[in-house]
Every structure is written in C-alpha cells, then in structure tokens.
Amino acid sequence: VRRYSRHLIIPDVGMIGQKRLKNARVLMIG
C-alpha cells in the first residue's frame, strides 16, 4: 500500500486495479 499509493489514489486504478497487477503474470520477450 505504501509503495503503490500513487496508483491507489487514482480512481480508475485504486485497490482493485493494484490487486490485479499484483496477481498478473506478464512475459517480456527481450
């Protein structure tokens, strides 16, 4: 919460959006 606080206060992201990012698995090629 402390680390991502600037995301959490954006209405379109918020707690739900940040929890989605935490749960995400992204593959970068290169």
PDB file of all heavy atoms in Angstrom:
ATOM      1  N   VAL A   1       0.837  -1.202   0.000  1.00  0.00           N
ATOM      2  CA  VAL A   1       0.000   0.000   0.000  1.00  0.00           C
ATOM      3  C   VAL A   1       0.870   1.248   0.000  1.00  0.00           C
ATOM      4  O   VAL A   1       0.607   2.213  -0.725  1.00  0.00           O
ATOM      5  CB  VAL A   1      -0.959  -0.006   1.209  1.00  0.00           C
ATOM      6  CG1 VAL A   1      -1.647   1.362   1.349  1.00  0.00           C
ATOM      7  CG2 VAL A   1      -2.007  -1.111   1.060  1.00  0.00           C
ATOM      8  N   ARG A   2       1.917   1.248   0.823  1.00  0.00           N
ATOM      9  CA  ARG A   2       2.823   2.399   0.842  1.00  0.00           C
ATOM     10  C   ARG A   2       3.510   2.582  -0.507  1.00  0.00           C
ATOM     11  O   ARG A   2       3.600   3.690  -1.028  1.00  0.00           O
ATOM     12  CB  ARG A   2       3.865   2.226   1.948  1.00  0.00           C
ATOM     13  CG  ARG A   2       3.367   2.528   3.345  1.00  0.00           C
ATOM     14  CD  ARG A   2       4.536   2.740   4.295  1.00  0.00           C
ATOM     15  NE  ARG A   2       5.300   1.495   4.477  1.00  0.00           N
ATOM     16  CZ  ARG A   2       5.148   0.677   5.518  1.00  0.00           C
ATOM     17  NH1 ARG A   2       4.252   0.970   6.459  1.00  0.00           N
ATOM     18  NH2 ARG A   2       5.878  -0.413   5.629  1.00  0.00           N
ATOM     19  N   ARG A   3       3.996   1.479  -1.073  1.00  0.00           N
ATOM     20  CA  ARG A   3       4.753   1.557  -2.326  1.00  0.00           C
ATOM     21  C   ARG A   3       3.885   2.044  -3.486  1.00  0.00           C
ATOM     22  O   ARG A   3       4.326   2.841  -4.317  1.00  0.00           O
ATOM     23  CB  ARG A   3       5.352   0.182  -2.657  1.00  0.00           C
ATOM     24  CG  ARG A   3       6.121   0.128  -3.964  1.00  0.00           C
ATOM     25  CD  ARG A   3       6.728  -1.253  -4.174  1.00  0.00           C
ATOM     26  NE  ARG A   3       7.861  -1.484  -3.299  1.00  0.00           N
ATOM     27  CZ  ARG A   3       9.133  -1.218  -3.605  1.00  0.00           C
ATOM     28  NH1 ARG A   3       9.423  -0.686  -4.790  1.00  0.00           N
ATOM     29  NH2 ARG A   3      10.100  -1.465  -2.752  1.00  0.00           N
ATOM     30  N   TYR A   4       2.654   1.559  -3.561  1.00  0.00           N
ATOM     31  CA  TYR A   4       1.809   1.856  -4.719  1.00  0.00           C
ATOM     32  C   TYR A   4       0.767   2.928  -4.433  1.00  0.00           C
ATOM     33  O   TYR A   4      -0.233   3.031  -5.146  1.00  0.00           O
ATOM     34  CB  TYR A   4       1.110   0.570  -5.186  1.00  0.00           C
ATOM     35  CG  TYR A   4       2.059  -0.581  -5.426  1.00  0.00           C
ATOM     36  CD1 TYR A   4       1.846  -1.821  -4.803  1.00  0.00           C
ATOM     37  CD2 TYR A   4       3.170  -0.452  -6.254  1.00  0.00           C
ATOM     38  CE1 TYR A   4       2.713  -2.887  -5.012  1.00  0.00           C
ATOM     39  CE2 TYR A   4       4.043  -1.509  -6.464  1.00  0.00           C
ATOM     40  CZ  TYR A   4       3.817  -2.721  -5.840  1.00  0.00           C
ATOM     41  OH  TYR A   4       4.675  -3.766  -6.046  1.00  0.00           O
ATOM     42  N   SER A   5       0.997   3.736  -3.435  1.00  0.00           N
ATOM     43  CA  SER A   5      -0.026   4.699  -3.008  1.00  0.00           C
ATOM     44  C   SER A   5      -0.437   5.666  -4.112  1.00  0.00           C
ATOM     45  O   SER A   5      -1.602   6.079  -4.187  1.00  0.00           O
ATOM     46  CB  SER A   5       0.476   5.485  -1.787  1.00  0.00           C
ATOM     47  OG  SER A   5       1.653   6.216  -2.112  1.00  0.00           O
ATOM     48  N   ARG A   6       0.498   6.031  -4.993  1.00  0.00           N
ATOM     49  CA  ARG A   6       0.151   6.974  -6.073  1.00  0.00           C
ATOM     50  C   ARG A   6      -0.743   6.334  -7.113  1.00  0.00           C
ATOM     51  O   ARG A   6      -1.437   7.024  -7.848  1.00  0.00           O
ATOM     52  CB  ARG A   6       1.419   7.533  -6.729  1.00  0.00           C
ATOM     53  CG  ARG A   6       2.311   8.325  -5.793  1.00  0.00           C
ATOM     54  CD  ARG A   6       1.553   9.492  -5.126  1.00  0.00           C
ATOM     55  NE  ARG A   6       2.437  10.326  -4.337  1.00  0.00           N
ATOM     56  CZ  ARG A   6       2.710  10.147  -3.053  1.00  0.00           C
ATOM     57  NH1 ARG A   6       2.152   9.141  -2.395  1.00  0.00           N
ATOM     58  NH2 ARG A   6       3.521  10.962  -2.414  1.00  0.00           N
ATOM     59  N   HIS A   7      -0.718   5.004  -7.192  1.00  0.00           N
ATOM     60  CA  HIS A   7      -1.692   4.302  -8.022  1.00  0.00           C
ATOM     61  C   HIS A   7      -3.039   4.218  -7.311  1.00  0.00           C
ATOM     62  O   HIS A   7      -4.098   4.379  -7.924  1.00  0.00           O
ATOM     63  CB  HIS A   7      -1.216   2.870  -8.323  1.00  0.00           C
ATOM     64  CG  HIS A   7      -0.320   2.746  -9.507  1.00  0.00           C
ATOM     65  ND1 HIS A   7       0.244   1.550  -9.885  1.00  0.00           N
ATOM     66  CD2 HIS A   7       0.106   3.670 -10.408  1.00  0.00           C
ATOM     67  CE1 HIS A   7       0.985   1.737 -10.967  1.00  0.00           C
ATOM     68  NE2 HIS A   7       0.934   3.015 -11.291  1.00  0.00           N
ATOM     69  N   LEU A   8      -2.992   3.933  -6.033  1.00  0.00           N
ATOM     70  CA  LEU A   8      -4.221   3.662  -5.285  1.00  0.00           C
ATOM     71  C   LEU A   8      -5.155   4.853  -5.233  1.00  0.00           C
ATOM     72  O   LEU A   8      -6.375   4.684  -5.128  1.00  0.00           O
ATOM     73  CB  LEU A   8      -3.873   3.206  -3.863  1.00  0.00           C
ATOM     74  CG  LEU A   8      -2.989   1.954  -3.756  1.00  0.00           C
ATOM     75  CD1 LEU A   8      -2.720   1.623  -2.300  1.00  0.00           C
ATOM     76  CD2 LEU A   8      -3.631   0.775  -4.465  1.00  0.00           C
ATOM     77  N   ILE A   9      -4.595   6.061  -5.310  1.00  0.00           N
ATOM     78  CA  ILE A   9      -5.445   7.248  -5.237  1.00  0.00           C
ATOM     79  C   ILE A   9      -5.977   7.665  -6.601  1.00  0.00           C
ATOM     80  O   ILE A   9      -6.725   8.646  -6.705  1.00  0.00           O
ATOM     81  CB  ILE A   9      -4.700   8.429  -4.570  1.00  0.00           C
ATOM     82  CG1 ILE A   9      -3.434   8.788  -5.344  1.00  0.00           C
ATOM     83  CG2 ILE A   9      -4.382   8.093  -3.125  1.00  0.00           C
ATOM     84  CD1 ILE A   9      -2.679   9.978  -4.758  1.00  0.00           C
ATOM     85  N   ILE A  10      -5.611   6.920  -7.667  1.00  0.00           N
ATOM     86  CA  ILE A  10      -6.219   7.158  -8.982  1.00  0.00           C
ATOM     87  C   ILE A  10      -7.523   6.367  -9.025  1.00  0.00           C
ATOM     88  O   ILE A  10      -7.510   5.138  -8.898  1.00  0.00           O
ATOM     89  CB  ILE A  10      -5.296   6.685 -10.123  1.00  0.00           C
ATOM     90  CG1 ILE A  10      -3.946   7.395 -10.068  1.00  0.00           C
ATOM     91  CG2 ILE A  10      -5.956   6.933 -11.476  1.00  0.00           C
ATOM     92  CD1 ILE A  10      -2.952   6.870 -11.094  1.00  0.00           C
ATOM     93  N   PRO A  11      -8.659   7.031  -9.216  1.00  0.00           N
ATOM     94  CA  PRO A  11      -9.944   6.307  -9.171  1.00  0.00           C
ATOM     95  C   PRO A  11     -10.010   5.128 -10.125  1.00  0.00           C
ATOM     96  O   PRO A  11     -10.556   4.076  -9.775  1.00  0.00           O
ATOM     97  CB  PRO A  11     -10.955   7.398  -9.554  1.00  0.00           C
ATOM     98  CG  PRO A  11     -10.307   8.681  -9.129  1.00  0.00           C
ATOM     99  CD  PRO A  11      -8.848   8.488  -9.373  1.00  0.00           C
ATOM    100  N   ASP A  12      -9.449   5.246 -11.329  1.00  0.00           N
ATOM    101  CA  ASP A  12      -9.550   4.165 -12.316  1.00  0.00           C
ATOM    102  C   ASP A  12      -8.673   2.963 -11.974  1.00  0.00           C
ATOM    103  O   ASP A  12      -8.877   1.871 -12.520  1.00  0.00           O
ATOM    104  CB  ASP A  12      -9.174   4.684 -13.709  1.00  0.00           C
ATOM    105  CG  ASP A  12     -10.231   5.586 -14.300  1.00  0.00           C
ATOM    106  OD1 ASP A  12     -11.354   5.601 -13.769  1.00  0.00           O
ATOM    107  OD2 ASP A  12      -9.937   6.291 -15.288  1.00  0.00           O
ATOM    108  N   VAL A  13      -7.696   3.158 -11.111  1.00  0.00           N
ATOM    109  CA  VAL A  13      -6.841   2.049 -10.693  1.00  0.00           C
ATOM    110  C   VAL A  13      -7.289   1.567  -9.313  1.00  0.00           C
ATOM    111  O   VAL A  13      -7.875   0.491  -9.181  1.00  0.00           O
ATOM    112  CB  VAL A  13      -5.350   2.451 -10.679  1.00  0.00           C
ATOM    113  CG1 VAL A  13      -4.487   1.267 -10.231  1.00  0.00           C
ATOM    114  CG2 VAL A  13      -4.904   2.941 -12.048  1.00  0.00           C
ATOM    115  N   GLY A  14      -7.020   2.348  -8.278  1.00  0.00           N
ATOM    116  CA  GLY A  14      -7.496   2.033  -6.938  1.00  0.00           C
ATOM    117  C   GLY A  14      -6.966   0.705  -6.416  1.00  0.00           C
ATOM    118  O   GLY A  14      -6.045   0.099  -6.967  1.00  0.00           O
ATOM    119  N   MET A  15      -7.546   0.243  -5.345  1.00  0.00           N
ATOM    120  CA  MET A  15      -7.125  -1.002  -4.708  1.00  0.00           C
ATOM    121  C   MET A  15      -7.362  -2.205  -5.621  1.00  0.00           C
ATOM    122  O   MET A  15      -6.501  -3.088  -5.739  1.00  0.00           O
ATOM    123  CB  MET A  15      -7.876  -1.196  -3.392  1.00  0.00           C
ATOM    124  CG  MET A  15      -7.425  -0.263  -2.280  1.00  0.00           C
ATOM    125  SD  MET A  15      -5.769  -0.646  -1.647  1.00  0.00           S
ATOM    126  CE  MET A  15      -6.093  -2.159  -0.751  1.00  0.00           C
ATOM    127  N   ILE A  16      -8.514  -2.233  -6.302  1.00  0.00           N
ATOM    128  CA  ILE A  16      -8.835  -3.371  -7.161  1.00  0.00           C
ATOM    129  C   ILE A  16      -7.840  -3.471  -8.309  1.00  0.00           C
ATOM    130  O   ILE A  16      -7.322  -4.549  -8.619  1.00  0.00           O
ATOM    131  CB  ILE A  16     -10.273  -3.266  -7.702  1.00  0.00           C
ATOM    132  CG1 ILE A  16     -11.293  -3.389  -6.559  1.00  0.00           C
ATOM    133  CG2 ILE A  16     -10.524  -4.348  -8.750  1.00  0.00           C
ATOM    134  CD1 ILE A  16     -11.260  -4.735  -5.865  1.00  0.00           C
ATOM    135  N   GLY A  17      -7.557  -2.346  -8.948  1.00  0.00           N
ATOM    136  CA  GLY A  17      -6.614  -2.356 -10.058  1.00  0.00           C
ATOM    137  C   GLY A  17      -5.225  -2.795  -9.635  1.00  0.00           C
ATOM    138  O   GLY A  17      -4.559  -3.573 -10.333  1.00  0.00           O
ATOM    139  N   GLN A  18      -4.781  -2.304  -8.470  1.00  0.00           N
ATOM    140  CA  GLN A  18      -3.455  -2.675  -7.997  1.00  0.00           C
ATOM    141  C   GLN A  18      -3.402  -4.151  -7.609  1.00  0.00           C
ATOM    142  O   GLN A  18      -2.387  -4.824  -7.816  1.00  0.00           O
ATOM    143  CB  GLN A  18      -3.051  -1.808  -6.809  1.00  0.00           C
ATOM    144  CG  GLN A  18      -1.575  -1.896  -6.456  1.00  0.00           C
ATOM    145  CD  GLN A  18      -0.682  -1.417  -7.591  1.00  0.00           C
ATOM    146  OE1 GLN A  18      -0.884  -0.342  -8.133  1.00  0.00           O
ATOM    147  NE2 GLN A  18       0.317  -2.212  -7.948  1.00  0.00           N
ATOM    148  N   LYS A  19      -4.488  -4.671  -7.077  1.00  0.00           N
ATOM    149  CA  LYS A  19      -4.543  -6.103  -6.759  1.00  0.00           C
ATOM    150  C   LYS A  19      -4.490  -6.948  -8.030  1.00  0.00           C
ATOM    151  O   LYS A  19      -3.927  -8.043  -8.043  1.00  0.00           O
ATOM    152  CB  LYS A  19      -5.810  -6.420  -5.973  1.00  0.00           C
ATOM    153  CG  LYS A  19      -5.811  -5.915  -4.531  1.00  0.00           C
ATOM    154  CD  LYS A  19      -7.123  -6.251  -3.851  1.00  0.00           C
ATOM    155  CE  LYS A  19      -7.149  -5.758  -2.403  1.00  0.00           C
ATOM    156  NZ  LYS A  19      -8.448  -6.063  -1.751  1.00  0.00           N
ATOM    157  N   ARG A  20      -5.084  -6.424  -9.098  1.00  0.00           N
ATOM    158  CA  ARG A  20      -4.998  -7.141 -10.382  1.00  0.00           C
ATOM    159  C   ARG A  20      -3.548  -7.176 -10.871  1.00  0.00           C
ATOM    160  O   ARG A  20      -3.072  -8.206 -11.352  1.00  0.00           O
ATOM    161  CB  ARG A  20      -5.891  -6.477 -11.429  1.00  0.00           C
ATOM    162  CG  ARG A  20      -7.383  -6.565 -11.145  1.00  0.00           C
ATOM    163  CD  ARG A  20      -8.179  -6.024 -12.330  1.00  0.00           C
ATOM    164  NE  ARG A  20      -9.574  -5.796 -12.011  1.00  0.00           N
ATOM    165  CZ  ARG A  20     -10.523  -6.720 -12.013  1.00  0.00           C
ATOM    166  NH1 ARG A  20     -10.216  -7.978 -12.316  1.00  0.00           N
ATOM    167  NH2 ARG A  20     -11.774  -6.414 -11.726  1.00  0.00           N
ATOM    168  N   LEU A  21      -2.853  -6.047 -10.762  1.00  0.00           N
ATOM    169  CA  LEU A  21      -1.451  -6.013 -11.179  1.00  0.00           C
ATOM    170  C   LEU A  21      -0.621  -6.991 -10.349  1.00  0.00           C
ATOM    171  O   LEU A  21       0.255  -7.685 -10.870  1.00  0.00           O
ATOM    172  CB  LEU A  21      -0.893  -4.593 -11.047  1.00  0.00           C
ATOM    173  CG  LEU A  21      -1.460  -3.542 -12.008  1.00  0.00           C
ATOM    174  CD1 LEU A  21      -0.868  -2.167 -11.691  1.00  0.00           C
ATOM    175  CD2 LEU A  21      -1.170  -3.908 -13.457  1.00  0.00           C
ATOM    176  N   LYS A  22      -0.900  -7.046  -9.058  1.00  0.00           N
ATOM    177  CA  LYS A  22      -0.168  -7.970  -8.187  1.00  0.00           C
ATOM    178  C   LYS A  22      -0.372  -9.417  -8.621  1.00  0.00           C
ATOM    179  O   LYS A  22       0.540 -10.243  -8.541  1.00  0.00           O
ATOM    180  CB  LYS A  22      -0.619  -7.787  -6.741  1.00  0.00           C
ATOM    181  CG  LYS A  22       0.060  -8.741  -5.756  1.00  0.00           C
ATOM    182  CD  LYS A  22      -0.417  -8.525  -4.334  1.00  0.00           C
ATOM    183  CE  LYS A  22       0.259  -9.499  -3.374  1.00  0.00           C
ATOM    184  NZ  LYS A  22      -0.150  -9.265  -1.962  1.00  0.00           N
ATOM    185  N   ASN A  23      -1.553  -9.720  -9.111  1.00  0.00           N
ATOM    186  CA  ASN A  23      -1.893 -11.089  -9.483  1.00  0.00           C
ATOM    187  C   ASN A  23      -1.502 -11.424 -10.926  1.00  0.00           C
ATOM    188  O   ASN A  23      -1.664 -12.572 -11.356  1.00  0.00           O
ATOM    189  CB  ASN A  23      -3.400 -11.315  -9.316  1.00  0.00           C
ATOM    190  CG  ASN A  23      -3.735 -12.700  -8.797  1.00  0.00           C
ATOM    191  OD1 ASN A  23      -2.906 -13.356  -8.162  1.00  0.00           O
ATOM    192  ND2 ASN A  23      -4.941 -13.155  -9.065  1.00  0.00           N
ATOM    193  N   ALA A  24      -0.991 -10.431 -11.654  1.00  0.00           N
ATOM    194  CA  ALA A  24      -0.725 -10.609 -13.084  1.00  0.00           C
ATOM    195  C   ALA A  24       0.591 -11.321 -13.340  1.00  0.00           C
ATOM    196  O   ALA A  24       1.546 -11.212 -12.568  1.00  0.00           O
ATOM    197  CB  ALA A  24      -0.719  -9.247 -13.777  1.00  0.00           C
ATOM    198  N   ARG A  25       0.612 -12.039 -14.464  1.00  0.00           N
ATOM    199  CA  ARG A  25       1.821 -12.703 -14.952  1.00  0.00           C
ATOM    200  C   ARG A  25       2.078 -12.201 -16.377  1.00  0.00           C
ATOM    201  O   ARG A  25       1.290 -12.486 -17.282  1.00  0.00           O
ATOM    202  CB  ARG A  25       1.648 -14.228 -14.939  1.00  0.00           C
ATOM    203  CG  ARG A  25       1.459 -14.803 -13.542  1.00  0.00           C
ATOM    204  CD  ARG A  25       1.136 -16.295 -13.618  1.00  0.00           C
ATOM    205  NE  ARG A  25       2.192 -17.058 -14.295  1.00  0.00           N
ATOM    206  CZ  ARG A  25       3.262 -17.548 -13.685  1.00  0.00           C
ATOM    207  NH1 ARG A  25       3.425 -17.368 -12.375  1.00  0.00           N
ATOM    208  NH2 ARG A  25       4.169 -18.237 -14.349  1.00  0.00           N
ATOM    209  N   VAL A  26       3.161 -11.466 -16.555  1.00  0.00           N
ATOM    210  CA  VAL A  26       3.476 -10.840 -17.839  1.00  0.00           C
ATOM    211  C   VAL A  26       4.827 -11.353 -18.324  1.00  0.00           C
ATOM    212  O   VAL A  26       5.802 -11.385 -17.562  1.00  0.00           O
ATOM    213  CB  VAL A  26       3.511  -9.303 -17.727  1.00  0.00           C
ATOM    214  CG1 VAL A  26       3.922  -8.668 -19.054  1.00  0.00           C
ATOM    215  CG2 VAL A  26       2.152  -8.772 -17.290  1.00  0.00           C
ATOM    216  N   LEU A  27       4.878 -11.723 -19.593  1.00  0.00           N
ATOM    217  CA  LEU A  27       6.118 -12.200 -20.199  1.00  0.00           C
ATOM    218  C   LEU A  27       6.676 -11.130 -21.132  1.00  0.00           C
ATOM    219  O   LEU A  27       5.994 -10.699 -22.064  1.00  0.00           O
ATOM    220  CB  LEU A  27       5.875 -13.485 -20.980  1.00  0.00           C
ATOM    221  CG  LEU A  27       7.092 -14.078 -21.697  1.00  0.00           C
ATOM    222  CD1 LEU A  27       8.125 -14.559 -20.682  1.00  0.00           C
ATOM    223  CD2 LEU A  27       6.675 -15.224 -22.620  1.00  0.00           C
ATOM    224  N   MET A  28       7.907 -10.696 -20.873  1.00  0.00           N
ATOM    225  CA  MET A  28       8.601  -9.750 -21.746  1.00  0.00           C
ATOM    226  C   MET A  28       9.566 -10.529 -22.626  1.00  0.00           C
ATOM    227  O   MET A  28      10.428 -11.259 -22.124  1.00  0.00           O
ATOM    228  CB  MET A  28       9.371  -8.718 -20.921  1.00  0.00           C
ATOM    229  CG  MET A  28      10.207  -7.752 -21.756  1.00  0.00           C
ATOM    230  SD  MET A  28       9.230  -6.632 -22.787  1.00  0.00           S
ATOM    231  CE  MET A  28       8.603  -5.511 -21.513  1.00  0.00           C
ATOM    232  N   ILE A  29       9.423 -10.365 -23.927  1.00  0.00           N
ATOM    233  CA  ILE A  29      10.328 -11.026 -24.864  1.00  0.00           C
ATOM    234  C   ILE A  29      11.416 -10.037 -25.242  1.00  0.00           C
ATOM    235  O   ILE A  29      11.195  -9.082 -25.973  1.00  0.00           O
ATOM    236  CB  ILE A  29       9.583 -11.513 -26.110  1.00  0.00           C
ATOM    237  CG1 ILE A  29       8.403 -12.391 -25.697  1.00  0.00           C
ATOM    238  CG2 ILE A  29      10.528 -12.292 -27.023  1.00  0.00           C
ATOM    239  CD1 ILE A  29       7.534 -12.818 -26.848  1.00  0.00           C
ATOM    240  N   GLY A  30      12.600 -10.260 -24.707  1.00  0.00           N
ATOM    241  CA  GLY A  30      13.732  -9.388 -24.963  1.00  0.00           C
ATOM    242  C   GLY A  30      13.979  -8.440 -23.805  1.00  0.00           C
ATOM    243  O   GLY A  30      13.046  -7.843 -23.255  1.00  0.00           O
TER     244      GLY A  30
END
